[in-house]
Amino acid sequence: MPTGKIKFYNKEKGFGFIIENETASDIFFHCTGLNNRENVPSENDLVSYETVQGKKEGQLKAIKIEITGEAESNHDNARSVYTNSEVSV
């Protein structure tokens, strides 16, 4: 089963794209392809899925999408470094 991460998801329109891990290809998906529609995907969430031929020629569509890991928070890795001259009190 292919794996990847959510590149983009438009909650209002119900579609997005997955970046496939092996090829870095963009795979289209619609919210109807989510196994658990209550779990809204976020950018960088890790997913596994199956693919079928999409409506557009040559385009793959992800189905049976399972979110396998949550997106890393940008705040967890953020660090600020200040010198005495940069900090005013």
C-alpha atoms as a PDB file:
ATOM      1  CA  MET A   1       0.000   0.000   0.000  1.00  0.00           C
ATOM      2  CA  PRO A   2       1.519   3.375  -0.980  1.00  0.00           C
ATOM      3  CA  THR A   3       2.296   5.972   1.666  1.00  0.00           C
ATOM      4  CA  GLY A   4       2.763   9.714   1.584  1.00  0.00           C
ATOM      5  CA  LYS A   5       1.829  12.943   3.288  1.00  0.00           C
ATOM      6  CA  ILE A   6      -0.890  15.516   2.781  1.00  0.00           C
ATOM      7  CA  LYS A   7       0.422  18.343   0.614  1.00  0.00           C
ATOM      8  CA  PHE A   8      -2.794  20.377   0.523  1.00  0.00           C
ATOM      9  CA  TYR A   9      -6.406  19.967   1.618  1.00  0.00           C
ATOM     10  CA  ASN A  10      -9.311  22.339   0.955  1.00  0.00           C
ATOM     11  CA  LYS A  11     -11.902  21.538   3.623  1.00  0.00           C
ATOM     12  CA  GLU A  12     -14.612  23.708   2.007  1.00  0.00           C
ATOM     13  CA  LYS A  13     -14.302  22.001  -1.392  1.00  0.00           C
ATOM     14  CA  GLY A  14     -13.426  18.563  -0.007  1.00  0.00           C
ATOM     15  CA  PHE A  15     -10.346  17.757  -2.076  1.00  0.00           C
ATOM     16  CA  GLY A  16      -6.590  17.830  -1.834  1.00  0.00           C
ATOM     17  CA  PHE A  17      -3.298  16.262  -2.860  1.00  0.00           C
ATOM     18  CA  ILE A  18      -0.973  13.694  -1.337  1.00  0.00           C
ATOM     19  CA  ILE A  19       2.780  13.650  -2.028  1.00  0.00           C
ATOM     20  CA  GLU A  20       3.705  10.030  -2.657  1.00  0.00           C
ATOM     21  CA  ASN A  21       6.791   8.967  -0.665  1.00  0.00           C
ATOM     22  CA  GLU A  22       8.478   6.866  -3.362  1.00  0.00           C
ATOM     23  CA  THR A  23       8.053   9.097  -6.418  1.00  0.00           C
ATOM     24  CA  ALA A  24       7.186  12.504  -4.907  1.00  0.00           C
ATOM     25  CA  SER A  25       4.222  12.571  -7.319  1.00  0.00           C
ATOM     26  CA  ASP A  26       1.061  14.501  -6.479  1.00  0.00           C
ATOM     27  CA  ILE A  27      -1.924  12.201  -6.015  1.00  0.00           C
ATOM     28  CA  PHE A  28      -5.410  13.774  -6.094  1.00  0.00           C
ATOM     29  CA  PHE A  29      -7.943  12.814  -3.422  1.00  0.00           C
ATOM     30  CA  HIS A  30     -11.519  13.687  -2.529  1.00  0.00           C
ATOM     31  CA  CYS A  31     -12.958  13.594   0.988  1.00  0.00           C
ATOM     32  CA  THR A  32     -15.109  10.600  -0.031  1.00  0.00           C
ATOM     33  CA  GLY A  33     -11.840   8.618  -0.254  1.00  0.00           C
ATOM     34  CA  LEU A  34     -11.117   9.052   3.468  1.00  0.00           C
ATOM     35  CA  ASN A  35     -11.765   5.950   5.589  1.00  0.00           C
ATOM     36  CA  ASN A  36     -12.722   8.153   8.537  1.00  0.00           C
ATOM     37  CA  ARG A  37     -14.412  11.324   7.296  1.00  0.00           C
ATOM     38  CA  GLU A  38     -14.603  12.740  10.812  1.00  0.00           C
ATOM     39  CA  ASN A  39     -10.796  12.937  10.930  1.00  0.00           C
ATOM     40  CA  VAL A  40     -10.037  16.008   8.782  1.00  0.00           C
ATOM     41  CA  PRO A  41      -6.577  15.798   7.192  1.00  0.00           C
ATOM     42  CA  SER A  42      -4.011  18.513   7.822  1.00  0.00           C
ATOM     43  CA  GLU A  43      -0.977  19.530   5.803  1.00  0.00           C
ATOM     44  CA  ASN A  44       1.925  17.084   6.370  1.00  0.00           C
ATOM     45  CA  ASP A  45      -0.262  14.361   7.945  1.00  0.00           C
ATOM     46  CA  LEU A  46       1.113  10.918   7.090  1.00  0.00           C
ATOM     47  CA  VAL A  47      -1.245   8.672   5.122  1.00  0.00           C
ATOM     48  CA  SER A  48      -1.552   5.269   3.482  1.00  0.00           C
ATOM     49  CA  TYR A  49      -3.934   4.750   0.557  1.00  0.00           C
ATOM     50  CA  GLU A  50      -4.759   2.858  -2.617  1.00  0.00           C
ATOM     51  CA  THR A  51      -4.915   4.402  -6.080  1.00  0.00           C
ATOM     52  CA  VAL A  52      -7.309   4.165  -9.010  1.00  0.00           C
ATOM     53  CA  GLN A  53      -7.407   5.928 -12.360  1.00  0.00           C
ATOM     54  CA  GLY A  54      -8.747   9.485 -11.931  1.00  0.00           C
ATOM     55  CA  LYS A  55     -11.189  11.299 -14.215  1.00  0.00           C
ATOM     56  CA  LYS A  56      -8.353  13.088 -16.017  1.00  0.00           C
ATOM     57  CA  GLU A  57      -6.168  10.987 -18.291  1.00  0.00           C
ATOM     58  CA  GLY A  58      -2.968   9.924 -16.569  1.00  0.00           C
ATOM     59  CA  GLN A  59      -4.091  11.216 -13.165  1.00  0.00           C
ATOM     60  CA  LEU A  60      -4.237   8.865 -10.205  1.00  0.00           C
ATOM     61  CA  LYS A  61      -6.818   9.267  -7.470  1.00  0.00           C
ATOM     62  CA  ALA A  62      -6.264   8.108  -3.886  1.00  0.00           C
ATOM     63  CA  ILE A  63      -8.962   6.026  -2.188  1.00  0.00           C
ATOM     64  CA  LYS A  64      -9.187   4.151   1.124  1.00  0.00           C
ATOM     65  CA  ILE A  65      -7.064   6.873   2.722  1.00  0.00           C
ATOM     66  CA  GLU A  66      -5.974   6.206   6.286  1.00  0.00           C
ATOM     67  CA  ILE A  67      -4.250   8.899   8.350  1.00  0.00           C
ATOM     68  CA  THR A  68      -1.335   7.098  10.001  1.00  0.00           C
ATOM     69  CA  GLY A  69       0.395  10.013  11.712  1.00  0.00           C
ATOM     70  CA  GLU A  70      -0.248  13.626  12.549  1.00  0.00           C
ATOM     71  CA  ALA A  71       1.526  16.610  11.103  1.00  0.00           C
ATOM     72  CA  GLU A  72       4.541  17.827  13.020  1.00  0.00           C
ATOM     73  CA  SER A  73       3.940  21.153  14.660  1.00  0.00           C
ATOM     74  CA  ASN A  74       6.179  23.943  13.439  1.00  0.00           C
ATOM     75  CA  HIS A  75       6.216  25.267  16.997  1.00  0.00           C
ATOM     76  CA  ASP A  76       7.860  22.110  18.366  1.00  0.00           C
ATOM     77  CA  ASN A  77      10.970  22.666  16.292  1.00  0.00           C
ATOM     78  CA  ALA A  78      11.084  26.464  16.514  1.00  0.00           C
ATOM     79  CA  ARG A  79      13.897  27.974  18.519  1.00  0.00           C
ATOM     80  CA  SER A  80      14.784  31.584  19.030  1.00  0.00           C
ATOM     81  CA  VAL A  81      18.302  32.671  19.785  1.00  0.00           C
ATOM     82  CA  TYR A  82      18.962  36.193  21.049  1.00  0.00           C
ATOM     83  CA  THR A  83      22.111  37.990  21.998  1.00  0.00           C
ATOM     84  CA  ASN A  84      22.111  40.685  24.665  1.00  0.00           C
ATOM     85  CA  SER A  85      22.151  43.409  22.009  1.00  0.00           C
ATOM     86  CA  GLU A  86      18.959  42.040  20.390  1.00  0.00           C
ATOM     87  CA  VAL A  87      16.855  41.980  23.529  1.00  0.00           C
ATOM     88  CA  SER A  88      15.505  45.201  24.966  1.00  0.00           C
ATOM     89  CA  VAL A  89      13.862  45.369  28.365  1.00  0.00           C
END
